[in-house]
């Protein structure tokens, strides 16, 4: 449930968590996961990584 303050805003549409399970959203999430794993395997920091400044993973040679 959104907070009362958030629910009062005219530009907010609150949906249940399942509201994001459209075919387009599922396809995007799947593709984004593959892109991020490819970055990690290549030893690169994925876009949007949390604490990216502490990245230490390097590819195995």
PDB file of N, CA and C in Angstrom:
ATOM      1  N   UNK A   1       0.839  -1.185   0.000  1.00  0.00           N
ATOM      2  CA  UNK A   1       0.000   0.000   0.000  1.00  0.00           C
ATOM      3  C   UNK A   1       0.885   1.250   0.000  1.00  0.00           C
ATOM      4  N   UNK A   2       0.544   2.196  -0.839  1.00  0.00           N
ATOM      5  CA  UNK A   2       1.298   3.451  -0.806  1.00  0.00           C
ATOM      6  C   UNK A   2       0.950   4.236   0.454  1.00  0.00           C
ATOM      7  N   UNK A   3       1.857   5.082   0.848  1.00  0.00           N
ATOM      8  CA  UNK A   3       1.579   5.948   1.992  1.00  0.00           C
ATOM      9  C   UNK A   3       0.445   6.889   1.619  1.00  0.00           C
ATOM     10  N   UNK A   4      -0.295   7.400   2.593  1.00  0.00           N
ATOM     11  CA  UNK A   4      -1.379   8.334   2.273  1.00  0.00           C
ATOM     12  C   UNK A   4      -0.896   9.546   1.477  1.00  0.00           C
ATOM     13  N   UNK A   5       0.303  10.037   1.801  1.00  0.00           N
ATOM     14  CA  UNK A   5       0.841  11.205   1.086  1.00  0.00           C
ATOM     15  C   UNK A   5       1.075  10.863  -0.388  1.00  0.00           C
ATOM     16  N   UNK A   6       1.621   9.687  -0.644  1.00  0.00           N
ATOM     17  CA  UNK A   6       1.881   9.269  -2.016  1.00  0.00           C
ATOM     18  C   UNK A   6       0.568   9.008  -2.753  1.00  0.00           C
ATOM     19  N   UNK A   7      -0.373   8.384  -2.097  1.00  0.00           N
ATOM     20  CA  UNK A   7      -1.663   8.059  -2.724  1.00  0.00           C
ATOM     21  C   UNK A   7      -2.454   9.311  -3.110  1.00  0.00           C
ATOM     22  N   UNK A   8      -2.219  10.416  -2.430  1.00  0.00           N
ATOM     23  CA  UNK A   8      -2.938  11.659  -2.736  1.00  0.00           C
ATOM     24  C   UNK A   8      -2.457  12.333  -4.016  1.00  0.00           C
ATOM     25  N   UNK A   9      -1.270  12.000  -4.475  1.00  0.00           N
ATOM     26  CA  UNK A   9      -0.715  12.661  -5.659  1.00  0.00           C
ATOM     27  C   UNK A   9      -1.469  12.246  -6.911  1.00  0.00           C
ATOM     28  N   UNK A  10      -1.789  13.228  -7.729  1.00  0.00           N
ATOM     29  CA  UNK A  10      -2.574  12.966  -8.944  1.00  0.00           C
ATOM     30  C   UNK A  10      -1.769  12.236 -10.006  1.00  0.00           C
ATOM     31  N   UNK A  11      -0.436  12.318  -9.935  1.00  0.00           N
ATOM     32  CA  UNK A  11       0.395  11.687 -10.958  1.00  0.00           C
ATOM     33  C   UNK A  11       0.932  10.322 -10.521  1.00  0.00           C
ATOM     34  N   UNK A  12       0.301   9.702  -9.527  1.00  0.00           N
ATOM     35  CA  UNK A  12       0.721   8.388  -9.035  1.00  0.00           C
ATOM     36  C   UNK A  12      -0.365   7.368  -9.331  1.00  0.00           C
ATOM     37  N   UNK A  13       0.036   6.258  -9.918  1.00  0.00           N
ATOM     38  CA  UNK A  13      -0.868   5.132 -10.123  1.00  0.00           C
ATOM     39  C   UNK A  13      -0.254   3.958  -9.387  1.00  0.00           C
ATOM     40  N   UNK A  14      -0.916   3.489  -8.362  1.00  0.00           N
ATOM     41  CA  UNK A  14      -0.403   2.370  -7.566  1.00  0.00           C
ATOM     42  C   UNK A  14      -1.066   1.079  -8.040  1.00  0.00           C
ATOM     43  N   UNK A  15      -0.245   0.066  -8.287  1.00  0.00           N
ATOM     44  CA  UNK A  15      -0.764  -1.236  -8.703  1.00  0.00           C
ATOM     45  C   UNK A  15      -0.154  -2.303  -7.802  1.00  0.00           C
ATOM     46  N   UNK A  16      -0.769  -3.474  -7.741  1.00  0.00           N
ATOM     47  CA  UNK A  16      -0.127  -4.570  -7.020  1.00  0.00           C
ATOM     48  C   UNK A  16       1.186  -4.932  -7.709  1.00  0.00           C
ATOM     49  N   UNK A  17       2.039  -5.662  -7.037  1.00  0.00           N
ATOM     50  CA  UNK A  17       3.346  -6.028  -7.585  1.00  0.00           C
ATOM     51  C   UNK A  17       3.186  -6.718  -8.940  1.00  0.00           C
ATOM     52  N   UNK A  18       2.157  -7.490  -9.110  1.00  0.00           N
ATOM     53  CA  UNK A  18       1.925  -8.212 -10.357  1.00  0.00           C
ATOM     54  C   UNK A  18       1.630  -7.262 -11.517  1.00  0.00           C
ATOM     55  N   UNK A  19       1.379  -6.009 -11.246  1.00  0.00           N
ATOM     56  CA  UNK A  19       1.096  -5.028 -12.288  1.00  0.00           C
ATOM     57  C   UNK A  19       2.228  -4.867 -13.285  1.00  0.00           C
ATOM     58  N   UNK A  20       3.448  -5.230 -12.911  1.00  0.00           N
ATOM     59  CA  UNK A  20       4.590  -5.117 -13.821  1.00  0.00           C
ATOM     60  C   UNK A  20       4.849  -6.369 -14.626  1.00  0.00           C
ATOM     61  N   UNK A  21       3.979  -7.357 -14.518  1.00  0.00           N
ATOM     62  CA  UNK A  21       4.211  -8.617 -15.222  1.00  0.00           C
ATOM     63  C   UNK A  21       3.523  -8.648 -16.584  1.00  0.00           C
ATOM     64  N   UNK A  22       3.879  -7.697 -17.403  1.00  0.00           N
ATOM     65  CA  UNK A  22       3.387  -7.688 -18.775  1.00  0.00           C
ATOM     66  C   UNK A  22       4.414  -8.433 -19.635  1.00  0.00           C
ATOM     67  N   UNK A  23       4.013  -8.938 -20.789  1.00  0.00           N
ATOM     68  CA  UNK A  23       4.993  -9.605 -21.658  1.00  0.00           C
ATOM     69  C   UNK A  23       6.196  -8.711 -21.977  1.00  0.00           C
ATOM     70  N   UNK A  24       5.954  -7.426 -22.208  1.00  0.00           N
ATOM     71  CA  UNK A  24       7.053  -6.506 -22.525  1.00  0.00           C
ATOM     72  C   UNK A  24       7.999  -6.361 -21.335  1.00  0.00           C
ATOM     73  N   UNK A  25       7.453  -6.251 -20.130  1.00  0.00           N
ATOM     74  CA  UNK A  25       8.298  -6.108 -18.942  1.00  0.00           C
ATOM     75  C   UNK A  25       9.118  -7.368 -18.704  1.00  0.00           C
ATOM     76  N   UNK A  26       8.502  -8.522 -18.877  1.00  0.00           N
ATOM     77  CA  UNK A  26       9.216  -9.792 -18.676  1.00  0.00           C
ATOM     78  C   UNK A  26      10.351  -9.926 -19.687  1.00  0.00           C
ATOM     79  N   UNK A  27      10.087  -9.558 -20.938  1.00  0.00           N
ATOM     80  CA  UNK A  27      11.136  -9.627 -21.966  1.00  0.00           C
ATOM     81  C   UNK A  27      12.280  -8.679 -21.634  1.00  0.00           C
ATOM     82  N   UNK A  28      11.951  -7.453 -21.207  1.00  0.00           N
ATOM     83  CA  UNK A  28      12.991  -6.480 -20.862  1.00  0.00           C
ATOM     84  C   UNK A  28      13.821  -6.964 -19.671  1.00  0.00           C
ATOM     85  N   UNK A  29      13.165  -7.481 -18.650  1.00  0.00           N
ATOM     86  CA  UNK A  29      13.877  -7.959 -17.464  1.00  0.00           C
ATOM     87  C   UNK A  29      14.817  -9.109 -17.826  1.00  0.00           C
ATOM     88  N   UNK A  30      14.350 -10.008 -18.676  1.00  0.00           N
ATOM     89  CA  UNK A  30      15.184 -11.141 -19.092  1.00  0.00           C
ATOM     90  C   UNK A  30      16.401 -10.665 -19.875  1.00  0.00           C
ATOM     91  N   UNK A  31      16.181  -9.770 -20.830  1.00  0.00           N
ATOM     92  CA  UNK A  31      17.288  -9.249 -21.633  1.00  0.00           C
ATOM     93  C   UNK A  31      18.282  -8.478 -20.779  1.00  0.00           C
ATOM     94  N   UNK A  32      17.782  -7.703 -19.843  1.00  0.00           N
ATOM     95  CA  UNK A  32      18.659  -6.920 -18.969  1.00  0.00           C
ATOM     96  C   UNK A  32      19.509  -7.831 -18.087  1.00  0.00           C
ATOM     97  N   UNK A  33      18.928  -8.919 -17.615  1.00  0.00           N
ATOM     98  CA  UNK A  33      19.689  -9.884 -16.806  1.00  0.00           C
ATOM     99  C   UNK A  33      20.842 -10.452 -17.618  1.00  0.00           C
ATOM    100  N   UNK A  34      20.579 -10.832 -18.860  1.00  0.00           N
ATOM    101  CA  UNK A  34      21.632 -11.378 -19.722  1.00  0.00           C
ATOM    102  C   UNK A  34      22.719 -10.327 -19.956  1.00  0.00           C
ATOM    103  N   UNK A  35      22.333  -9.081 -20.207  1.00  0.00           N
ATOM    104  CA  UNK A  35      23.333  -8.009 -20.414  1.00  0.00           C
ATOM    105  C   UNK A  35      24.206  -7.829 -19.181  1.00  0.00           C
ATOM    106  N   UNK A  36      23.594  -7.861 -18.007  1.00  0.00           N
ATOM    107  CA  UNK A  36      24.364  -7.655 -16.777  1.00  0.00           C
ATOM    108  C   UNK A  36      25.307  -8.823 -16.504  1.00  0.00           C
ATOM    109  N   UNK A  37      24.847 -10.041 -16.730  1.00  0.00           N
ATOM    110  CA  UNK A  37      25.723 -11.211 -16.531  1.00  0.00           C
ATOM    111  C   UNK A  37      26.886 -11.159 -17.517  1.00  0.00           C
ATOM    112  N   UNK A  38      26.630 -10.767 -18.758  1.00  0.00           N
ATOM    113  CA  UNK A  38      27.707 -10.658 -19.743  1.00  0.00           C
ATOM    114  C   UNK A  38      28.757  -9.648 -19.289  1.00  0.00           C
ATOM    115  N   UNK A  39      28.326  -8.533 -18.720  1.00  0.00           N
ATOM    116  CA  UNK A  39      29.266  -7.535 -18.196  1.00  0.00           C
ATOM    117  C   UNK A  39      30.123  -8.142 -17.082  1.00  0.00           C
ATOM    118  N   UNK A  40      29.475  -8.842 -16.162  1.00  0.00           N
ATOM    119  CA  UNK A  40      30.201  -9.440 -15.035  1.00  0.00           C
ATOM    120  C   UNK A  40      31.226 -10.451 -15.538  1.00  0.00           C
ATOM    121  N   UNK A  41      30.827 -11.319 -16.468  1.00  0.00           N
ATOM    122  CA  UNK A  41      31.744 -12.325 -17.015  1.00  0.00           C
ATOM    123  C   UNK A  41      32.927 -11.659 -17.703  1.00  0.00           C
ATOM    124  N   UNK A  42      32.701 -10.515 -18.326  1.00  0.00           N
ATOM    125  CA  UNK A  42      33.771  -9.780 -18.996  1.00  0.00           C
ATOM    126  C   UNK A  42      34.632  -8.975 -18.018  1.00  0.00           C
ATOM    127  N   UNK A  43      34.277  -9.022 -16.725  1.00  0.00           N
ATOM    128  CA  UNK A  43      35.049  -8.276 -15.736  1.00  0.00           C
ATOM    129  C   UNK A  43      34.677  -6.815 -15.659  1.00  0.00           C
ATOM    130  N   UNK A  44      33.524  -6.464 -16.213  1.00  0.00           N
ATOM    131  CA  UNK A  44      33.077  -5.071 -16.217  1.00  0.00           C
ATOM    132  C   UNK A  44      31.968  -4.877 -15.180  1.00  0.00           C
ATOM    133  N   UNK A  45      31.818  -3.646 -14.746  1.00  0.00           N
ATOM    134  CA  UNK A  45      30.774  -3.310 -13.781  1.00  0.00           C
ATOM    135  C   UNK A  45      29.450  -3.166 -14.538  1.00  0.00           C
ATOM    136  N   UNK A  46      28.419  -3.905 -14.143  1.00  0.00           N
ATOM    137  CA  UNK A  46      27.128  -3.753 -14.814  1.00  0.00           C
ATOM    138  C   UNK A  46      26.523  -2.375 -14.548  1.00  0.00           C
ATOM    139  N   UNK A  47      25.742  -1.879 -15.491  1.00  0.00           N
ATOM    140  CA  UNK A  47      25.051  -0.608 -15.330  1.00  0.00           C
ATOM    141  C   UNK A  47      24.114  -0.718 -14.130  1.00  0.00           C
ATOM    142  N   UNK A  48      24.131   0.282 -13.270  1.00  0.00           N
ATOM    143  CA  UNK A  48      23.240   0.295 -12.112  1.00  0.00           C
ATOM    144  C   UNK A  48      23.737  -0.535 -10.942  1.00  0.00           C
ATOM    145  N   UNK A  49      24.984  -0.995 -10.988  1.00  0.00           N
ATOM    146  CA  UNK A  49      25.513  -1.811  -9.894  1.00  0.00           C
ATOM    147  C   UNK A  49      25.534  -1.018  -8.587  1.00  0.00           C
ATOM    148  N   UNK A  50      25.154  -1.673  -7.519  1.00  0.00           N
ATOM    149  CA  UNK A  50      25.189  -1.050  -6.200  1.00  0.00           C
ATOM    150  C   UNK A  50      26.637  -1.105  -5.713  1.00  0.00           C
ATOM    151  N   UNK A  51      27.120  -0.026  -5.156  1.00  0.00           N
ATOM    152  CA  UNK A  51      28.501   0.075  -4.642  1.00  0.00           C
ATOM    153  C   UNK A  51      29.532  -0.187  -5.741  1.00  0.00           C
ATOM    154  N   UNK A  52      29.269   0.315  -6.933  1.00  0.00           N
ATOM    155  CA  UNK A  52      30.168   0.087  -8.064  1.00  0.00           C
ATOM    156  C   UNK A  52      31.593   0.558  -7.779  1.00  0.00           C
ATOM    157  N   UNK A  53      31.731   1.551  -6.924  1.00  0.00           N
ATOM    158  CA  UNK A  53      33.079   2.059  -6.618  1.00  0.00           C
ATOM    159  C   UNK A  53      33.932   1.042  -5.873  1.00  0.00           C
ATOM    160  N   UNK A  54      33.313  -0.010  -5.365  1.00  0.00           N
ATOM    161  CA  UNK A  54      34.044  -1.061  -4.644  1.00  0.00           C
ATOM    162  C   UNK A  54      34.179  -2.329  -5.476  1.00  0.00           C
ATOM    163  N   UNK A  55      33.978  -2.207  -6.794  1.00  0.00           N
ATOM    164  CA  UNK A  55      34.030  -3.368  -7.690  1.00  0.00           C
ATOM    165  C   UNK A  55      35.414  -4.006  -7.641  1.00  0.00           C
ATOM    166  N   UNK A  56      35.472  -5.307  -7.421  1.00  0.00           N
ATOM    167  CA  UNK A  56      36.759  -6.005  -7.348  1.00  0.00           C
ATOM    168  C   UNK A  56      36.817  -7.228  -8.250  1.00  0.00           C
ATOM    169  N   UNK A  57      35.712  -7.663  -8.832  1.00  0.00           N
ATOM    170  CA  UNK A  57      35.700  -8.877  -9.647  1.00  0.00           C
ATOM    171  C   UNK A  57      36.473  -8.647 -10.955  1.00  0.00           C
ATOM    172  N   UNK A  58      37.322  -9.570 -11.271  1.00  0.00           N
ATOM    173  CA  UNK A  58      38.087  -9.521 -12.515  1.00  0.00           C
ATOM    174  C   UNK A  58      37.907 -10.850 -13.230  1.00  0.00           C
ATOM    175  N   UNK A  59      37.968 -10.834 -14.558  1.00  0.00           N
ATOM    176  CA  UNK A  59      37.791 -12.110 -15.294  1.00  0.00           C
ATOM    177  C   UNK A  59      38.944 -13.063 -15.032  1.00  0.00           C
ATOM    178  N   UNK A  60      38.612 -14.342 -15.031  1.00  0.00           N
ATOM    179  CA  UNK A  60      39.661 -15.366 -14.913  1.00  0.00           C
ATOM    180  C   UNK A  60      40.290 -15.577 -16.280  1.00  0.00           C
ATOM    181  N   UNK A  61      41.573 -15.674 -16.317  1.00  0.00           N
ATOM    182  CA  UNK A  61      42.260 -15.878 -17.607  1.00  0.00           C
ATOM    183  C   UNK A  61      42.642 -17.318 -17.780  1.00  0.00           C
TER     184      UNK A  61
END
